[in-house]
Amino acid sequence: MIKRKKNTQEAKETILLVTATKSEALYFNQMRKDCRYMNLTVEWAGREGLSLKQLIDITGKKKYSGKFNHVFALFGFDDVNTNIDEVKAAEEICAKKRITMIYFNPCFELWFLLHLKRMSAFEGDSQKIRDEVKSGINGFEFSPQWLLTKGLNLHLMLFPRHAQADLNARTYNDANSYSLSLPVLTMPVFNQCVQDVCGVADMSHNQKAFK
């Protein structure tokens, strides 16, 4: 009689990412599919124009609807009409709820801009950031309609510059966190968690599209 080996491999941890906008959820679902991150769940909070408190409350409820090891609430400052003082005050609330805020000051499109260039001086004008992204990505429009049609491969197109964008984000934080009393963006925290939990992205089935 053959004795079967006991499976001692530990189950993978899981990540829940709750976004303030539908566009952000669509983008990160592109990432989840492109990289084959099976243990990453991405959900939209459900409606636009939430306050930061509402986003955190919704994230907390979604957290307890499933078993997740790491839970993130993602937003641009302009998504939830927030500011540095409010975000700092929310850190204690999130710590109690075991939720990590992934934020971008002043807007989420800052993450795309950091794929295109290195930044040093703080840029607080959301429209200027969006205009720069549009000039660097042909036809760019960060909307659900665009992401479901012409922008369906946005993440795949940007992926070859992901590591540089993460480095640019860290450098940008180093240059501005002290004067702002808060990091400009915390995307590197999420990137590190994804790397630790989901492992190396499996892009073998994709084509690198950025030129």
C-alpha atoms as a PDB file:
ATOM      1  CA  MET A   1       0.000   0.000   0.000  1.00  0.00           C
ATOM      2  CA  ILE A   2       1.399   3.355  -1.071  1.00  0.00           C
ATOM      3  CA  LYS A   3       1.447   5.923   1.676  1.00  0.00           C
ATOM      4  CA  ARG A   4       0.574   9.357   0.456  1.00  0.00           C
ATOM      5  CA  LYS A   5       2.780  12.232   1.474  1.00  0.00           C
ATOM      6  CA  LYS A   6       1.171  14.771   3.716  1.00  0.00           C
ATOM      7  CA  ASN A   7       0.775  18.156   2.073  1.00  0.00           C
ATOM      8  CA  THR A   8       2.648  20.486   4.388  1.00  0.00           C
ATOM      9  CA  GLN A   9       2.590  23.484   2.065  1.00  0.00           C
ATOM     10  CA  GLU A  10       0.978  26.441   3.780  1.00  0.00           C
ATOM     11  CA  ALA A  11      -1.982  28.109   2.125  1.00  0.00           C
ATOM     12  CA  LYS A  12      -1.182  31.377   0.397  1.00  0.00           C
ATOM     13  CA  GLU A  13      -2.103  34.590   2.104  1.00  0.00           C
ATOM     14  CA  THR A  14      -4.705  36.817   0.475  1.00  0.00           C
ATOM     15  CA  ILE A  15      -4.962  40.515  -0.320  1.00  0.00           C
ATOM     16  CA  LEU A  16      -8.081  42.672  -0.589  1.00  0.00           C
ATOM     17  CA  LEU A  17      -7.831  46.014  -2.382  1.00  0.00           C
ATOM     18  CA  VAL A  18     -10.851  48.328  -2.186  1.00  0.00           C
ATOM     19  CA  THR A  19     -10.716  51.371  -4.469  1.00  0.00           C
ATOM     20  CA  ALA A  20     -12.466  54.722  -4.240  1.00  0.00           C
ATOM     21  CA  THR A  21     -13.330  54.805  -7.955  1.00  0.00           C
ATOM     22  CA  LYS A  22     -14.476  52.310 -10.543  1.00  0.00           C
ATOM     23  CA  SER A  23     -11.605  53.309 -12.844  1.00  0.00           C
ATOM     24  CA  GLU A  24      -9.035  52.381 -10.201  1.00  0.00           C
ATOM     25  CA  ALA A  25     -10.712  49.013  -9.676  1.00  0.00           C
ATOM     26  CA  LEU A  26     -10.648  48.317 -13.428  1.00  0.00           C
ATOM     27  CA  TYR A  27      -6.949  49.187 -13.635  1.00  0.00           C
ATOM     28  CA  PHE A  28      -5.983  46.931 -10.732  1.00  0.00           C
ATOM     29  CA  ASN A  29      -8.113  44.130 -12.113  1.00  0.00           C
ATOM     30  CA  GLN A  30      -6.059  44.476 -15.281  1.00  0.00           C
ATOM     31  CA  MET A  31      -2.971  44.049 -13.114  1.00  0.00           C
ATOM     32  CA  ARG A  32      -4.450  41.031 -11.339  1.00  0.00           C
ATOM     33  CA  LYS A  33      -5.208  39.311 -14.642  1.00  0.00           C
ATOM     34  CA  ASP A  34      -2.025  40.323 -16.473  1.00  0.00           C
ATOM     35  CA  CYS A  35       0.214  39.135 -13.635  1.00  0.00           C
ATOM     36  CA  ARG A  36      -1.944  36.143 -12.664  1.00  0.00           C
ATOM     37  CA  TYR A  37      -2.231  37.219  -9.048  1.00  0.00           C
ATOM     38  CA  MET A  38      -4.865  34.681  -8.039  1.00  0.00           C
ATOM     39  CA  ASN A  39      -4.768  35.592  -4.342  1.00  0.00           C
ATOM     40  CA  LEU A  40      -5.456  39.299  -4.968  1.00  0.00           C
ATOM     41  CA  THR A  41      -9.084  40.478  -4.805  1.00  0.00           C
ATOM     42  CA  VAL A  42      -9.934  43.919  -6.196  1.00  0.00           C
ATOM     43  CA  GLU A  43     -13.259  45.591  -5.440  1.00  0.00           C
ATOM     44  CA  TRP A  44     -14.700  49.035  -6.056  1.00  0.00           C
ATOM     45  CA  ALA A  45     -16.235  50.691  -2.989  1.00  0.00           C
ATOM     46  CA  GLY A  46     -19.483  50.906  -4.950  1.00  0.00           C
ATOM     47  CA  ARG A  47     -20.110  54.575  -5.622  1.00  0.00           C
ATOM     48  CA  GLU A  48     -18.170  57.685  -6.490  1.00  0.00           C
ATOM     49  CA  GLY A  49     -17.809  60.754  -4.280  1.00  0.00           C
ATOM     50  CA  LEU A  50     -17.256  58.965  -0.989  1.00  0.00           C
ATOM     51  CA  SER A  51     -15.611  60.668   1.950  1.00  0.00           C
ATOM     52  CA  LEU A  52     -12.447  59.125   3.354  1.00  0.00           C
ATOM     53  CA  LYS A  53     -14.374  57.898   6.392  1.00  0.00           C
ATOM     54  CA  GLN A  54     -16.977  56.241   4.187  1.00  0.00           C
ATOM     55  CA  LEU A  55     -14.293  54.518   2.134  1.00  0.00           C
ATOM     56  CA  ILE A  56     -12.628  53.175   5.273  1.00  0.00           C
ATOM     57  CA  ASP A  57     -15.969  51.984   6.680  1.00  0.00           C
ATOM     58  CA  ILE A  58     -16.862  50.199   3.435  1.00  0.00           C
ATOM     59  CA  THR A  59     -13.409  48.615   3.282  1.00  0.00           C
ATOM     60  CA  GLY A  60     -13.868  47.370   6.840  1.00  0.00           C
ATOM     61  CA  LYS A  61     -17.189  45.748   5.973  1.00  0.00           C
ATOM     62  CA  LYS A  62     -15.737  44.082   2.877  1.00  0.00           C
ATOM     63  CA  LYS A  63     -12.831  42.853   4.969  1.00  0.00           C
ATOM     64  CA  TYR A  64     -15.132  40.960   7.307  1.00  0.00           C
ATOM     65  CA  SER A  65     -17.161  39.500   4.434  1.00  0.00           C
ATOM     66  CA  GLY A  66     -14.193  37.297   3.542  1.00  0.00           C
ATOM     67  CA  LYS A  67     -10.955  36.028   5.005  1.00  0.00           C
ATOM     68  CA  PHE A  68      -8.142  38.348   3.972  1.00  0.00           C
ATOM     69  CA  ASN A  69      -4.674  38.654   5.456  1.00  0.00           C
ATOM     70  CA  HIS A  70      -3.943  42.098   4.037  1.00  0.00           C
ATOM     71  CA  VAL A  71      -6.560  44.789   3.398  1.00  0.00           C
ATOM     72  CA  PHE A  72      -6.009  48.084   1.593  1.00  0.00           C
ATOM     73  CA  ALA A  73      -8.197  51.136   0.939  1.00  0.00           C
ATOM     74  CA  LEU A  74      -6.921  52.960  -2.145  1.00  0.00           C
ATOM     75  CA  PHE A  75      -7.699  56.549  -3.138  1.00  0.00           C
ATOM     76  CA  GLY A  76      -6.423  59.744  -4.637  1.00  0.00           C
ATOM     77  CA  PHE A  77      -6.845  62.756  -2.372  1.00  0.00           C
ATOM     78  CA  ASP A  78      -9.260  64.280  -4.880  1.00  0.00           C
ATOM     79  CA  ASP A  79     -11.288  61.043  -5.074  1.00  0.00           C
ATOM     80  CA  VAL A  80     -12.461  61.478  -1.491  1.00  0.00           C
ATOM     81  CA  ASN A  81     -11.943  65.241  -1.164  1.00  0.00           C
ATOM     82  CA  THR A  82      -9.399  64.831   1.611  1.00  0.00           C
ATOM     83  CA  ASN A  83      -6.237  66.542   2.829  1.00  0.00           C
ATOM     84  CA  ILE A  84      -3.047  65.728   4.720  1.00  0.00           C
ATOM     85  CA  ASP A  85      -4.485  66.434   8.176  1.00  0.00           C
ATOM     86  CA  GLU A  86      -7.495  64.190   7.593  1.00  0.00           C
ATOM     87  CA  VAL A  87      -5.356  61.362   6.245  1.00  0.00           C
ATOM     88  CA  LYS A  88      -3.022  61.593   9.243  1.00  0.00           C
ATOM     89  CA  ALA A  89      -6.014  61.479  11.594  1.00  0.00           C
ATOM     90  CA  ALA A  90      -7.388  58.427   9.764  1.00  0.00           C
ATOM     91  CA  GLU A  91      -4.187  56.431  10.279  1.00  0.00           C
ATOM     92  CA  GLU A  92      -5.119  55.544  13.865  1.00  0.00           C
ATOM     93  CA  ILE A  93      -8.612  54.428  12.808  1.00  0.00           C
ATOM     94  CA  CYS A  94      -7.173  52.250  10.051  1.00  0.00           C
ATOM     95  CA  ALA A  95      -4.650  50.735  12.426  1.00  0.00           C
ATOM     96  CA  LYS A  96      -7.474  49.602  14.720  1.00  0.00           C
ATOM     97  CA  LYS A  97      -9.384  48.149  11.782  1.00  0.00           C
ATOM     98  CA  ARG A  98      -6.202  46.557  10.369  1.00  0.00           C
ATOM     99  CA  ILE A  99      -6.601  48.435   7.119  1.00  0.00           C
ATOM    100  CA  THR A 100      -3.765  50.114   5.239  1.00  0.00           C
ATOM    101  CA  MET A 101      -4.413  53.269   3.234  1.00  0.00           C
ATOM    102  CA  ILE A 102      -2.845  53.439  -0.207  1.00  0.00           C
ATOM    103  CA  TYR A 103      -3.113  57.053  -1.256  1.00  0.00           C
ATOM    104  CA  PHE A 104      -1.887  59.496  -3.879  1.00  0.00           C
ATOM    105  CA  ASN A 105      -1.511  63.237  -3.292  1.00  0.00           C
ATOM    106  CA  PRO A 106      -3.177  64.938  -5.121  1.00  0.00           C
ATOM    107  CA  CYS A 107      -4.586  62.299  -7.517  1.00  0.00           C
ATOM    108  CA  PHE A 108      -4.223  58.662  -8.523  1.00  0.00           C
ATOM    109  CA  GLU A 109      -2.882  59.568 -11.980  1.00  0.00           C
ATOM    110  CA  LEU A 110       0.356  60.522 -10.215  1.00  0.00           C
ATOM    111  CA  TRP A 111       1.150  56.792 -10.278  1.00  0.00           C
ATOM    112  CA  PHE A 112       0.953  56.780 -14.081  1.00  0.00           C
ATOM    113  CA  LEU A 113       3.107  59.885 -14.346  1.00  0.00           C
ATOM    114  CA  LEU A 114       5.828  58.205 -12.297  1.00  0.00           C
ATOM    115  CA  HIS A 115       5.973  55.529 -15.008  1.00  0.00           C
ATOM    116  CA  LEU A 116       6.864  58.270 -17.459  1.00  0.00           C
ATOM    117  CA  LYS A 117       9.375  60.361 -15.548  1.00  0.00           C
ATOM    118  CA  ARG A 118      11.295  60.900 -12.341  1.00  0.00           C
ATOM    119  CA  MET A 119       9.960  63.702 -10.118  1.00  0.00           C
ATOM    120  CA  SER A 120      11.529  65.722  -7.332  1.00  0.00           C
ATOM    121  CA  ALA A 121       9.580  68.929  -6.597  1.00  0.00           C
ATOM    122  CA  PHE A 122       6.072  68.283  -5.274  1.00  0.00           C
ATOM    123  CA  GLU A 123       3.275  68.761  -7.795  1.00  0.00           C
ATOM    124  CA  GLY A 124      -0.090  69.464  -6.191  1.00  0.00           C
ATOM    125  CA  ASP A 125      -2.063  70.334  -9.327  1.00  0.00           C
ATOM    126  CA  SER A 126      -4.189  67.330 -10.352  1.00  0.00           C
ATOM    127  CA  GLN A 127      -5.008  68.766 -13.774  1.00  0.00           C
ATOM    128  CA  LYS A 128      -1.351  69.384 -14.581  1.00  0.00           C
ATOM    129  CA  ILE A 129      -0.539  65.778 -13.656  1.00  0.00           C
ATOM    130  CA  ARG A 130      -3.382  64.470 -15.836  1.00  0.00           C
ATOM    131  CA  ASP A 131      -2.280  66.645 -18.751  1.00  0.00           C
ATOM    132  CA  GLU A 132       1.271  65.279 -18.514  1.00  0.00           C
ATOM    133  CA  VAL A 133      -0.005  61.708 -18.470  1.00  0.00           C
ATOM    134  CA  LYS A 134      -2.164  62.412 -21.526  1.00  0.00           C
ATOM    135  CA  SER A 135       0.846  63.775 -23.368  1.00  0.00           C
ATOM    136  CA  GLY A 136       2.822  60.627 -22.559  1.00  0.00           C
ATOM    137  CA  ILE A 137       0.147  57.990 -23.174  1.00  0.00           C
ATOM    138  CA  ASN A 138      -1.628  58.276 -26.492  1.00  0.00           C
ATOM    139  CA  GLY A 139      -5.397  58.679 -26.084  1.00  0.00           C
ATOM    140  CA  PHE A 140      -5.245  58.394 -22.293  1.00  0.00           C
ATOM    141  CA  GLU A 141      -8.518  58.951 -20.457  1.00  0.00           C
ATOM    142  CA  PHE A 142      -8.881  57.503 -16.984  1.00  0.00           C
ATOM    143  CA  SER A 143     -12.531  56.537 -17.161  1.00  0.00           C
ATOM    144  CA  PRO A 144     -14.394  53.214 -17.024  1.00  0.00           C
ATOM    145  CA  GLN A 145     -15.460  53.637 -20.646  1.00  0.00           C
ATOM    146  CA  TRP A 146     -11.881  54.061 -21.862  1.00  0.00           C
ATOM    147  CA  LEU A 147     -10.458  51.298 -19.660  1.00  0.00           C
ATOM    148  CA  LEU A 148     -13.031  48.851 -21.012  1.00  0.00           C
ATOM    149  CA  THR A 149     -12.271  49.724 -24.652  1.00  0.00           C
ATOM    150  CA  LYS A 150      -9.163  51.490 -25.942  1.00  0.00           C
ATOM    151  CA  GLY A 151      -7.460  51.363 -22.530  1.00  0.00           C
ATOM    152  CA  LEU A 152      -8.048  47.668 -21.972  1.00  0.00           C
ATOM    153  CA  ASN A 153      -4.281  47.001 -22.000  1.00  0.00           C
ATOM    154  CA  LEU A 154      -3.153  50.019 -19.983  1.00  0.00           C
ATOM    155  CA  HIS A 155      -1.492  47.978 -17.242  1.00  0.00           C
ATOM    156  CA  LEU A 156       0.163  45.669 -19.757  1.00  0.00           C
ATOM    157  CA  MET A 157       1.516  48.659 -21.647  1.00  0.00           C
ATOM    158  CA  LEU A 158       2.946  50.224 -18.474  1.00  0.00           C
ATOM    159  CA  PHE A 159       4.238  47.022 -16.866  1.00  0.00           C
ATOM    160  CA  PRO A 160       7.791  47.171 -18.300  1.00  0.00           C
ATOM    161  CA  ARG A 161       8.223  50.448 -16.390  1.00  0.00           C
ATOM    162  CA  HIS A 162       6.641  49.243 -13.139  1.00  0.00           C
ATOM    163  CA  ALA A 163       9.910  48.748 -11.255  1.00  0.00           C
ATOM    164  CA  GLN A 164      11.160  52.179 -12.335  1.00  0.00           C
ATOM    165  CA  ALA A 165       7.845  53.765 -11.312  1.00  0.00           C
ATOM    166  CA  ASP A 166       8.165  52.210  -7.861  1.00  0.00           C
ATOM    167  CA  LEU A 167      11.705  53.560  -7.546  1.00  0.00           C
ATOM    168  CA  ASN A 168      10.544  56.971  -8.771  1.00  0.00           C
ATOM    169  CA  ALA A 169       7.784  56.927  -6.134  1.00  0.00           C
ATOM    170  CA  ARG A 170      10.256  56.178  -3.352  1.00  0.00           C
ATOM    171  CA  THR A 171      12.588  58.930  -4.542  1.00  0.00           C
ATOM    172  CA  TYR A 172       9.690  61.374  -4.791  1.00  0.00           C
ATOM    173  CA  ASN A 173       8.650  60.535  -1.236  1.00  0.00           C
ATOM    174  CA  ASP A 174      12.194  60.996   0.041  1.00  0.00           C
ATOM    175  CA  ALA A 175      12.280  64.474  -1.484  1.00  0.00           C
ATOM    176  CA  ASN A 176       8.915  65.636  -0.133  1.00  0.00           C
ATOM    177  CA  SER A 177       7.718  63.612   2.874  1.00  0.00           C
ATOM    178  CA  TYR A 178       9.438  65.792   5.453  1.00  0.00           C
ATOM    179  CA  SER A 179       8.021  69.100   4.194  1.00  0.00           C
ATOM    180  CA  LEU A 180       4.533  67.612   3.768  1.00  0.00           C
ATOM    181  CA  SER A 181       4.721  65.629   7.050  1.00  0.00           C
ATOM    182  CA  LEU A 182       3.317  62.648   5.136  1.00  0.00           C
ATOM    183  CA  PRO A 183       4.435  60.532   2.169  1.00  0.00           C
ATOM    184  CA  VAL A 184       3.160  61.859  -1.157  1.00  0.00           C
ATOM    185  CA  LEU A 185       2.000  58.389  -2.147  1.00  0.00           C
ATOM    186  CA  THR A 186       2.104  54.970  -0.499  1.00  0.00           C
ATOM    187  CA  MET A 187       1.950  52.779  -3.597  1.00  0.00           C
ATOM    188  CA  PRO A 188       5.363  51.219  -2.768  1.00  0.00           C
ATOM    189  CA  VAL A 189       3.764  49.720   0.374  1.00  0.00           C
ATOM    190  CA  PHE A 190       1.167  47.955  -1.755  1.00  0.00           C
ATOM    191  CA  ASN A 191       3.772  46.892  -4.321  1.00  0.00           C
ATOM    192  CA  GLN A 192       5.897  45.287  -1.603  1.00  0.00           C
ATOM    193  CA  CYS A 193       2.921  43.424  -0.166  1.00  0.00           C
ATOM    194  CA  VAL A 194       1.937  42.106  -3.594  1.00  0.00           C
ATOM    195  CA  GLN A 195       5.490  40.939  -4.206  1.00  0.00           C
ATOM    196  CA  ASP A 196       5.655  39.205  -0.821  1.00  0.00           C
ATOM    197  CA  VAL A 197       2.233  37.571  -1.033  1.00  0.00           C
ATOM    198  CA  CYS A 198       1.628  37.007  -4.739  1.00  0.00           C
ATOM    199  CA  GLY A 199       5.211  36.453  -5.832  1.00  0.00           C
ATOM    200  CA  VAL A 200       6.791  37.370  -9.147  1.00  0.00           C
ATOM    201  CA  ALA A 201       4.357  38.377 -11.881  1.00  0.00           C
ATOM    202  CA  ASP A 202       3.782  35.663 -14.480  1.00  0.00           C
ATOM    203  CA  MET A 203       3.847  37.655 -17.710  1.00  0.00           C
ATOM    204  CA  SER A 204       4.791  34.730 -19.980  1.00  0.00           C
ATOM    205  CA  HIS A 205       1.389  34.857 -21.690  1.00  0.00           C
ATOM    206  CA  ASN A 206       1.622  38.593 -22.449  1.00  0.00           C
ATOM    207  CA  GLN A 207       3.464  40.876 -24.814  1.00  0.00           C
ATOM    208  CA  LYS A 208       5.317  43.922 -23.558  1.00  0.00           C
ATOM    209  CA  ALA A 209       3.474  46.709 -25.296  1.00  0.00           C
ATOM    210  CA  PHE A 210       5.144  49.948 -24.174  1.00  0.00           C
ATOM    211  CA  LYS A 211       7.209  51.625 -26.868  1.00  0.00           C
END
